[in-house]
Protein backbone atom coordinates (compact mmCIF):
# COMPACT_ATOMS: atom_id res chain seq x y z
CA UNK A 1 -72.21 99.17 -94.55
CA UNK A 2 -70.87 95.92 -96.05
CA UNK A 3 -67.51 97.57 -96.62
CA UNK A 4 -67.37 98.65 -92.97
CA UNK A 5 -68.15 95.13 -91.77
CA UNK A 6 -65.60 93.41 -94.01
CA UNK A 7 -62.79 95.75 -92.99
CA UNK A 8 -63.41 95.79 -89.23
CA UNK A 9 -65.27 92.54 -88.43
CA UNK A 10 -62.57 91.27 -86.00
CA UNK A 11 -63.03 94.40 -83.89
CA UNK A 12 -66.83 94.18 -83.93
CA UNK A 13 -66.77 90.50 -83.03
CA UNK A 14 -64.31 91.10 -80.22
CA UNK A 15 -66.35 93.97 -78.81
CA UNK A 16 -69.52 91.88 -78.86
CA UNK A 17 -67.81 89.08 -76.92
CA UNK A 18 -66.46 91.64 -74.47
CA UNK A 19 -69.90 93.07 -73.86
CA UNK A 20 -71.37 89.60 -73.38
CA UNK A 21 -68.78 89.03 -70.68
CA UNK A 22 -69.34 92.47 -69.17
CA UNK A 23 -73.12 92.21 -69.07
CA UNK A 24 -73.03 88.66 -67.76
CA UNK A 25 -70.65 89.28 -64.86
CA UNK A 26 -72.43 92.49 -63.84
CA UNK A 27 -75.87 90.84 -63.58
CA UNK A 28 -74.39 87.69 -62.07
CA UNK A 29 -72.66 89.58 -59.25
CA UNK A 30 -75.94 91.17 -58.21
CA UNK A 31 -77.56 87.74 -57.97
CA UNK A 32 -74.60 85.99 -56.34
CA UNK A 33 -74.18 88.76 -53.76
CA UNK A 34 -77.63 88.01 -52.40
CA UNK A 35 -76.80 84.29 -52.18
CA UNK A 36 -73.65 85.14 -50.22
CA UNK A 37 -75.65 87.26 -47.77
CA UNK A 38 -74.25 90.65 -48.79
CA UNK A 39 -76.44 93.60 -47.82
CA UNK A 40 -78.05 95.91 -50.37
CA UNK A 41 -75.81 98.85 -49.46
CA UNK A 42 -72.71 96.64 -49.57
CA UNK A 43 -73.64 95.51 -53.06
CA UNK A 44 -74.32 99.09 -54.15
CA UNK A 45 -70.74 100.00 -53.19
CA UNK A 46 -69.47 96.96 -55.09
CA UNK A 47 -71.42 98.03 -58.17
CA UNK A 48 -70.18 101.61 -57.85
CA UNK A 49 -66.62 100.31 -58.05
CA UNK A 50 -67.03 99.67 -61.77
CA UNK A 51 -67.76 103.33 -62.44
CA UNK A 52 -64.89 104.49 -60.22
CA UNK A 53 -62.50 102.31 -62.24
CA UNK A 54 -64.04 103.40 -65.53
CA UNK A 55 -63.65 107.05 -64.59
CA UNK A 56 -59.96 106.73 -63.74
CA UNK A 57 -59.25 104.34 -66.61
CA UNK A 58 -60.46 106.85 -69.17
CA UNK A 59 -57.95 109.37 -67.81
CA UNK A 60 -54.95 107.06 -67.33
CA UNK A 61 -55.13 104.71 -70.33
CA UNK A 62 -54.13 107.32 -72.98
CA UNK A 63 -50.79 107.83 -71.18
CA UNK A 64 -50.29 104.05 -70.96
CA UNK A 65 -50.87 103.69 -74.71
CA UNK A 66 -48.41 106.47 -75.50
CA UNK A 67 -45.74 104.78 -73.35
CA UNK A 68 -46.02 101.12 -74.40
CA UNK A 69 -48.40 101.02 -77.37
CA UNK A 70 -51.88 99.74 -78.19
CA UNK A 71 -51.12 96.03 -78.40
CA UNK A 72 -49.41 95.74 -75.00
CA UNK A 73 -52.06 97.78 -73.21
CA UNK A 74 -54.85 95.83 -74.90
CA UNK A 75 -53.35 92.43 -74.07
CA UNK A 76 -52.39 93.35 -70.50
CA UNK A 77 -55.80 94.76 -69.60
CA UNK A 78 -57.55 91.80 -71.22
CA UNK A 79 -55.51 89.28 -69.23
CA UNK A 80 -56.12 91.14 -65.97
CA UNK A 81 -59.83 91.46 -66.70
CA UNK A 82 -60.26 87.76 -67.44
CA UNK A 83 -58.42 86.81 -64.24
CA UNK A 84 -60.45 89.13 -62.00
CA UNK A 85 -63.79 87.87 -63.33
CA UNK A 86 -62.95 84.23 -62.66
CA UNK A 87 -61.77 85.05 -59.11
CA UNK A 88 -65.09 86.57 -57.99
CA UNK A 89 -66.67 83.23 -56.92
CA UNK A 90 -63.43 82.11 -55.25
CA UNK A 91 -63.07 85.20 -53.05
CA UNK A 92 -66.60 86.00 -51.93
CA UNK A 93 -65.86 89.02 -49.79
CA UNK A 94 -67.43 92.47 -50.29
CA UNK A 95 -64.04 94.18 -50.03
CA UNK A 96 -62.46 92.01 -52.71
CA UNK A 97 -65.53 92.34 -54.91
CA UNK A 98 -65.38 96.13 -54.57
CA UNK A 99 -61.68 96.19 -55.49
CA UNK A 100 -62.36 93.70 -58.28
CA UNK A 101 -65.11 95.86 -59.73
CA UNK A 102 -62.79 98.87 -59.72
CA UNK A 103 -60.27 96.80 -61.66
CA UNK A 104 -62.97 95.56 -64.07
CA UNK A 105 -64.13 99.13 -64.73
CA UNK A 106 -60.55 100.30 -65.23
CA UNK A 107 -59.81 97.47 -67.66
CA UNK A 108 -62.97 97.93 -69.69
CA UNK A 109 -62.36 101.67 -69.96
CA UNK A 110 -58.84 101.08 -71.22
CA UNK A 111 -59.95 98.38 -73.63
CA UNK A 112 -62.64 100.67 -75.06
CA UNK A 113 -60.15 103.51 -75.55
CA UNK A 114 -57.80 101.17 -77.39
CA UNK A 115 -60.47 99.47 -79.52
CA UNK A 116 -62.18 102.73 -80.42
CA UNK A 117 -58.93 104.31 -81.56
CA UNK A 118 -58.45 101.28 -83.85
CA UNK A 119 -61.97 101.72 -85.20
CA UNK A 120 -61.45 105.42 -85.79
CA UNK A 121 -58.26 104.65 -87.73
CA UNK A 122 -59.91 101.92 -89.81
CA UNK A 123 -62.98 103.96 -90.73
CA UNK A 124 -62.95 106.32 -93.70
CA UNK A 125 -64.76 109.63 -93.97
CA UNK A 126 -67.63 108.22 -96.02
CA UNK A 127 -68.35 105.35 -93.62
CA UNK A 128 -67.27 106.76 -90.27
CA UNK A 129 -70.83 107.32 -89.02
CA UNK A 130 -71.93 103.83 -90.09
CA UNK A 131 -68.91 102.28 -88.38
CA UNK A 132 -69.71 104.06 -85.12
CA UNK A 133 -73.39 103.08 -85.29
CA UNK A 134 -72.50 99.44 -85.94
CA UNK A 135 -70.02 99.52 -83.05
CA UNK A 136 -72.72 100.76 -80.67
CA UNK A 137 -75.22 98.19 -81.99
CA UNK A 138 -72.73 95.36 -81.38
CA UNK A 139 -72.25 96.58 -77.82
CA UNK A 140 -76.00 96.52 -77.21
CA UNK A 141 -76.40 93.10 -78.81
CA UNK A 142 -73.65 91.77 -76.56
CA UNK A 143 -75.27 93.15 -73.41
CA UNK A 144 -78.67 91.72 -74.37
CA UNK A 145 -77.23 88.31 -75.27
CA UNK A 146 -75.40 88.14 -71.95
CA UNK A 147 -78.62 88.14 -69.96
CA UNK A 148 -79.88 84.93 -71.54
CA UNK A 149 -76.65 83.02 -70.83
CA UNK A 150 -77.39 83.23 -67.11
CA UNK A 151 -79.80 80.29 -67.41
CA UNK A 152 -76.93 77.96 -68.39
CA UNK A 153 -75.83 77.27 -64.84
CA UNK A 154 -76.27 77.79 -61.11
CA UNK A 155 -75.48 81.36 -59.90
CA UNK A 156 -74.16 79.79 -56.71
CA UNK A 157 -71.50 77.82 -58.59
CA UNK A 158 -68.43 78.59 -60.70
CA UNK A 159 -69.51 77.85 -64.27
CA UNK A 160 -71.36 81.14 -64.86
CA UNK A 161 -68.21 83.06 -63.90
CA UNK A 162 -66.02 80.90 -66.10
CA UNK A 163 -68.15 81.62 -69.19
CA UNK A 164 -67.60 85.44 -69.17
CA UNK A 165 -63.91 84.92 -68.38
CA UNK A 166 -63.56 82.65 -71.42
CA UNK A 167 -65.55 85.01 -73.63
CA UNK A 168 -63.40 87.95 -72.56
CA UNK A 169 -60.24 85.96 -73.34
CA UNK A 170 -61.60 84.87 -76.72
CA UNK A 171 -62.60 88.43 -77.62
CA UNK A 172 -58.97 89.48 -77.99
CA UNK A 173 -57.99 86.79 -80.50
CA UNK A 174 -59.77 88.21 -83.59
CA UNK A 175 -58.57 91.72 -82.77
CA UNK A 176 -54.92 91.00 -81.99
CA UNK A 177 -54.57 88.50 -84.86
CA UNK A 178 -56.08 90.81 -87.48
CA UNK A 179 -53.85 92.48 -90.02
CA UNK A 180 -55.07 95.98 -89.19
CA UNK A 181 -52.15 98.32 -88.51
CA UNK A 182 -51.70 99.82 -85.08
CA UNK A 183 -52.93 103.42 -85.28
CA UNK A 184 -51.12 106.51 -84.14
CA UNK A 185 -52.66 107.63 -80.87
CA UNK A 186 -53.62 111.17 -79.98
CA UNK A 187 -56.33 112.86 -77.98
CA UNK A 188 -57.47 116.44 -77.94
CA UNK A 189 -56.56 118.78 -75.14
CA UNK A 190 -59.79 118.94 -73.11
CA UNK A 191 -61.78 122.03 -72.33
CA UNK A 192 -62.08 122.75 -68.62
CA UNK A 193 -65.30 121.77 -66.84
CA UNK A 194 -65.89 125.45 -66.09
CA UNK A 195 -65.71 126.29 -69.80
CA UNK A 196 -68.10 123.51 -70.76
CA UNK A 197 -70.55 124.51 -68.01
CA UNK A 198 -70.53 128.09 -69.27
CA UNK A 199 -71.10 126.94 -72.86
CA UNK A 200 -73.92 124.49 -72.08
CA UNK A 201 -75.37 124.41 -68.54
CA UNK A 202 -78.08 121.96 -69.61
CA UNK A 203 -75.53 119.66 -71.24
CA UNK A 204 -73.43 119.50 -68.06
CA UNK A 205 -76.29 119.18 -65.56
CA UNK A 206 -78.03 116.67 -67.79
CA UNK A 207 -74.90 114.53 -68.19
CA UNK A 208 -74.33 114.49 -64.42
CA UNK A 209 -77.92 113.44 -63.69
CA UNK A 210 -77.84 110.90 -66.51
CA UNK A 211 -74.72 109.33 -65.03
CA UNK A 212 -76.68 108.58 -61.86
CA UNK A 213 -79.64 107.25 -63.88
CA UNK A 214 -77.56 104.92 -66.04
CA UNK A 215 -75.35 103.57 -63.26
CA UNK A 216 -78.39 102.86 -61.10
CA UNK A 217 -80.06 100.82 -63.83
CA UNK A 218 -76.85 99.13 -65.05
CA UNK A 219 -75.62 98.20 -61.59
CA UNK A 220 -78.68 97.82 -59.38
CA UNK A 221 -81.45 96.25 -61.49
CA UNK A 222 -80.28 92.65 -60.75
CA UNK A 223 -80.29 93.46 -57.02
CA UNK A 224 -83.77 94.95 -57.40
CA UNK A 225 -84.89 91.74 -59.10
CA UNK A 226 -83.60 89.54 -56.28
CA UNK A 227 -85.22 91.69 -53.60
CA UNK A 228 -88.49 91.78 -55.56
CA UNK A 229 -88.55 87.98 -55.64
CA UNK A 230 -88.03 87.56 -59.39
CA UNK A 231 -86.64 84.35 -60.89
CA UNK A 232 -83.30 84.24 -62.75
CA UNK A 233 -85.11 84.17 -66.11
CA UNK A 234 -87.28 87.13 -65.11
CA UNK A 235 -84.24 89.12 -63.96
CA UNK A 236 -82.40 88.36 -67.21
CA UNK A 237 -85.38 89.46 -69.28
CA UNK A 238 -85.84 92.61 -67.20
CA UNK A 239 -82.20 93.66 -67.59
CA UNK A 240 -82.27 92.98 -71.33
CA UNK A 241 -85.28 95.30 -71.75
CA UNK A 242 -83.16 98.25 -70.64
CA UNK A 243 -80.84 97.67 -73.61
CA UNK A 244 -83.34 96.45 -76.20
CA UNK A 245 -85.40 99.65 -76.34
CA UNK A 246 -82.45 101.94 -77.24
CA UNK A 247 -81.72 99.82 -80.31
CA UNK A 248 -85.20 100.64 -81.54
CA UNK A 249 -85.52 104.26 -80.41
CA UNK A 250 -82.06 105.76 -81.05
CA UNK A 251 -82.63 106.32 -84.76
CA UNK A 252 -86.12 107.92 -84.68
CA UNK A 253 -85.07 110.13 -81.77
CA UNK A 254 -81.95 111.13 -83.68
CA UNK A 255 -84.03 111.95 -86.77
CA UNK A 256 -86.33 114.15 -84.68
CA UNK A 257 -83.47 115.88 -82.88
CA UNK A 258 -82.04 117.17 -86.15
CA UNK A 259 -85.38 118.81 -86.98
CA UNK A 260 -86.51 120.51 -83.76
CA UNK A 261 -85.37 122.19 -80.54
CA UNK A 262 -83.35 119.49 -78.79
CA UNK A 263 -84.30 120.85 -75.37
CA UNK A 264 -87.89 119.85 -76.05
CA UNK A 265 -86.79 116.31 -76.81
CA UNK A 266 -84.60 116.23 -73.69
CA UNK A 267 -87.57 117.43 -71.64
CA UNK A 268 -89.91 114.83 -73.18
CA UNK A 269 -87.35 112.02 -72.90
CA UNK A 270 -86.58 112.74 -69.24
CA UNK A 271 -90.27 113.09 -68.45
CA UNK A 272 -91.04 109.81 -70.21
CA UNK A 273 -88.24 108.12 -68.25
CA UNK A 274 -89.70 109.42 -64.97
CA UNK A 275 -93.19 108.23 -65.88
CA UNK A 276 -91.77 104.78 -66.59
CA UNK A 277 -90.34 104.75 -63.07
CA UNK A 278 -93.71 105.70 -61.58
CA UNK A 279 -95.28 102.78 -63.44
CA UNK A 280 -92.65 100.46 -61.92
CA UNK A 281 -93.30 101.79 -58.40
CA UNK A 282 -97.09 101.60 -58.64
CA UNK A 283 -97.59 98.56 -60.88
CA UNK A 284 -94.22 96.79 -60.65
CA UNK A 285 -95.77 93.84 -58.82
CA UNK A 286 -97.27 92.90 -62.21
CA UNK A 287 -94.32 91.63 -64.27
CA UNK A 288 -95.63 92.85 -67.62
CA UNK A 289 -95.82 96.43 -66.31
CA UNK A 290 -92.32 96.08 -64.90
CA UNK A 291 -91.03 95.15 -68.36
CA UNK A 292 -92.91 98.10 -69.83
CA UNK A 293 -91.26 100.39 -67.30
CA UNK A 294 -87.83 98.98 -68.20
CA UNK A 295 -88.48 99.64 -71.89
CA UNK A 296 -89.50 103.23 -71.14
CA UNK A 297 -86.58 103.97 -68.82
CA UNK A 298 -83.91 102.28 -70.94
CA UNK A 299 -85.43 103.51 -74.19
CA UNK A 300 -85.15 107.14 -73.07
CA UNK A 301 -82.06 107.21 -70.83
CA UNK A 302 -79.66 105.87 -73.49
CA UNK A 303 -80.73 108.25 -76.32
CA UNK A 304 -80.59 111.14 -73.82
CA UNK A 305 -76.81 110.66 -73.72
CA UNK A 306 -76.53 111.29 -77.46
CA UNK A 307 -79.03 114.15 -77.26
CA UNK A 308 -77.10 115.97 -74.54
CA UNK A 309 -73.83 115.69 -76.47
CA UNK A 310 -75.50 116.86 -79.69
CA UNK A 311 -77.13 119.78 -77.85
CA UNK A 312 -73.79 120.83 -76.34
CA UNK A 313 -72.18 120.64 -79.81
CA UNK A 314 -74.73 123.18 -81.05
CA UNK A 315 -72.90 125.85 -79.02
CA UNK A 316 -69.34 124.74 -79.81
CA UNK A 317 -67.02 125.63 -82.64
CA UNK A 318 -65.93 122.62 -84.68
CA UNK A 319 -62.39 122.88 -83.28
CA UNK A 320 -63.72 122.62 -79.70
CA UNK A 321 -66.10 119.69 -80.16
CA UNK A 322 -63.51 116.95 -79.74
CA UNK A 323 -61.92 118.89 -76.86
CA UNK A 324 -65.24 118.90 -75.00
CA UNK A 325 -65.60 115.10 -75.26
CA UNK A 326 -63.39 114.24 -72.29
CA UNK A 327 -65.10 116.78 -70.05
CA UNK A 328 -68.59 115.54 -70.90
CA UNK A 329 -67.62 111.92 -70.24
CA UNK A 330 -65.97 112.92 -66.95
CA UNK A 331 -69.10 114.76 -65.78
CA UNK A 332 -71.20 111.72 -66.66
CA UNK A 333 -68.72 109.53 -64.78
CA UNK A 334 -69.00 111.62 -61.62
CA UNK A 335 -72.75 111.13 -61.63
CA UNK A 336 -72.30 107.40 -62.30
CA UNK A 337 -70.06 106.94 -59.27
CA UNK A 338 -72.64 108.28 -56.80
CA UNK A 339 -75.65 106.57 -58.42
CA UNK A 340 -75.38 103.01 -56.97
CA UNK A 341 -74.58 104.00 -53.34
CA UNK A 342 -77.54 106.38 -53.13
CA UNK A 343 -79.75 103.79 -54.80
CA UNK A 344 -78.56 101.11 -52.40
CA UNK A 345 -79.26 103.32 -49.40
CA UNK A 346 -82.75 104.14 -50.68
CA UNK A 347 -83.50 100.49 -51.38
CA UNK A 348 -82.42 99.66 -47.84
CA UNK A 349 -84.78 102.28 -46.40
CA UNK A 350 -87.75 102.07 -48.79
CA UNK A 351 -87.39 98.60 -50.30
CA UNK A 352 -86.82 97.52 -53.92
CA UNK A 353 -88.91 100.40 -55.27
CA UNK A 354 -86.19 102.77 -54.03
CA UNK A 355 -84.36 102.05 -57.31
CA UNK A 356 -87.10 103.49 -59.48
CA UNK A 357 -87.87 106.32 -57.05
CA UNK A 358 -84.24 107.45 -57.31
CA UNK A 359 -84.24 107.27 -61.12
CA UNK A 360 -87.59 109.10 -61.21
CA UNK A 361 -86.20 111.91 -59.04
CA UNK A 362 -83.20 112.40 -61.34
CA UNK A 363 -85.37 112.16 -64.47
CA UNK A 364 -87.88 114.74 -63.32
CA UNK A 365 -85.02 116.99 -62.18
CA UNK A 366 -83.55 116.83 -65.69
CA UNK A 367 -86.93 117.54 -67.27
CA UNK A 368 -87.46 120.50 -64.93
CA UNK A 369 -84.03 121.95 -65.65
CA UNK A 370 -84.54 121.51 -69.41
CA UNK A 371 -87.83 123.43 -69.13
CA UNK A 372 -86.07 126.16 -67.15
CA UNK A 373 -83.24 126.48 -69.68
CA UNK A 374 -85.80 126.98 -72.46
CA UNK A 375 -86.73 130.24 -70.74
CA UNK A 376 -83.11 131.45 -70.55
CA UNK A 377 -82.01 131.59 -74.18
CA UNK A 378 -83.38 130.98 -77.62
CA UNK A 379 -82.74 127.68 -79.37
CA UNK A 380 -80.29 127.75 -82.27
CA UNK A 381 -81.94 127.50 -85.66
CA UNK A 382 -82.28 123.97 -87.02
CA UNK A 383 -79.97 124.90 -89.92
CA UNK A 384 -77.18 125.78 -87.46
CA UNK A 385 -77.38 122.66 -85.26
CA UNK A 386 -74.93 119.80 -85.43
CA UNK A 387 -76.06 116.32 -86.47
CA UNK A 388 -77.13 113.67 -83.96
CA UNK A 389 -74.68 110.77 -83.60
CA UNK A 390 -75.63 107.55 -81.83
CA UNK A 391 -73.75 107.03 -78.53
CA UNK A 392 -74.20 105.17 -75.23
CA UNK A 393 -73.21 105.97 -71.63
CA UNK A 394 -70.75 103.05 -71.73
CA UNK A 395 -68.59 104.92 -74.25
CA UNK A 396 -65.09 106.13 -73.48
CA UNK A 397 -63.84 109.66 -74.31
CA UNK A 398 -62.24 108.19 -77.43
CA UNK A 399 -65.63 107.07 -78.78
CA UNK A 400 -67.15 110.46 -77.98
CA UNK A 401 -64.30 112.18 -79.84
CA UNK A 402 -64.97 109.75 -82.68
CA UNK A 403 -68.64 110.78 -82.62
CA UNK A 404 -67.64 114.44 -82.63
CA UNK A 405 -65.59 113.87 -85.78
CA UNK A 406 -68.64 112.26 -87.40
CA UNK A 407 -70.77 115.25 -86.43
CA UNK A 408 -68.20 117.68 -87.85
CA UNK A 409 -67.93 115.76 -91.12
CA UNK A 410 -71.72 115.64 -91.47
CA UNK A 411 -71.97 119.37 -90.79
CA UNK A 412 -69.32 120.17 -93.39
CA UNK A 413 -71.06 117.97 -95.97
CA UNK A 414 -74.38 119.70 -95.27
CA UNK A 415 -72.71 123.10 -95.60
CA UNK A 416 -71.13 122.12 -98.92
CA UNK A 417 -74.49 120.87 -100.20
CA UNK A 418 -76.14 124.12 -99.13
CA UNK A 419 -73.45 126.21 -100.79
CA UNK A 420 -73.84 124.18 -104.00
CA UNK A 421 -77.57 124.93 -104.09
CA UNK A 422 -76.94 128.63 -103.67
């Protein structure tokens, strides 16, 4: 692990700063929108803009990199991102905020694609899995840290928007000034969505539902907090709980998934996520129970992303695993785009609890479909399953391809070890 850190620390530091800026501006917009008098549904459309931009950015950025190179794309998107964030408090209009969020999502998607291709190039076979895990951990740490910077100023002022803009600008210095060579860029030709659906119906349906779950919690929790009458500190703590739990639970869930039928874990995880939502609806007026619900929902929804990818890999040939990455991310992105608007509409009709009712509906739907799929075909034997690799729903197709390479390498190593024993 030390070797991974010493060779790629500029990238890890830059990504952490980026995620601090991302997490800070996302939560801050939800709070500031209420102060500006924006309606819940208006803010849900604003929040959905991020996922629209992210979806298109993941498709367009690879062509941009091929045309002008990593460094120019990285620098251009970083400059645009920093400028958009600092303009939010100056142009307090829902239309501009919606367009701005699309641009923010597009820029972050492109930045992730670029950074993750650098990481993939820098990592070696023996440390590739550790490098990816550390990358994901730094993302989570950045998102958690961001929530506690919100107490440094007034959400109605400018300073809290300047901080993420500065952090985003600073994040590029260690990366662009490092001596790491610019990698050759290539992506796999994707499998069609129809092919992936035929290979793994549960993987596709689960990824679509999970997109709605994650985007609702990532985009709408600050708005829930404002409508529920929580203080800034309480909102910051609540949001951080959604990202703290995955840091703790990813590894034990991954260990279990390599030793049992993954559909059972998907069923249990989705069910647990739904139960957490019920706790929030029934007991959410008690803040401690609300934090418990956030831990349960965040702790299950993030590992479910890795589980669904690992489960889909169980039915893919090694040569097709990287090709399926783009399709799985796209399916997740489609679900993410529709999550905030439906949540916003439900919160407008039902009240703040509409957020958790929506997530509960999607979670129980996933659990029900996982139970149904267990009746349709037998699970592959544990010896034939691919290894679990830690991922998050914020990952670009490049990171998922990276994870697929890790899974393939682990599978080949296990096969070689098995052959040696025989």
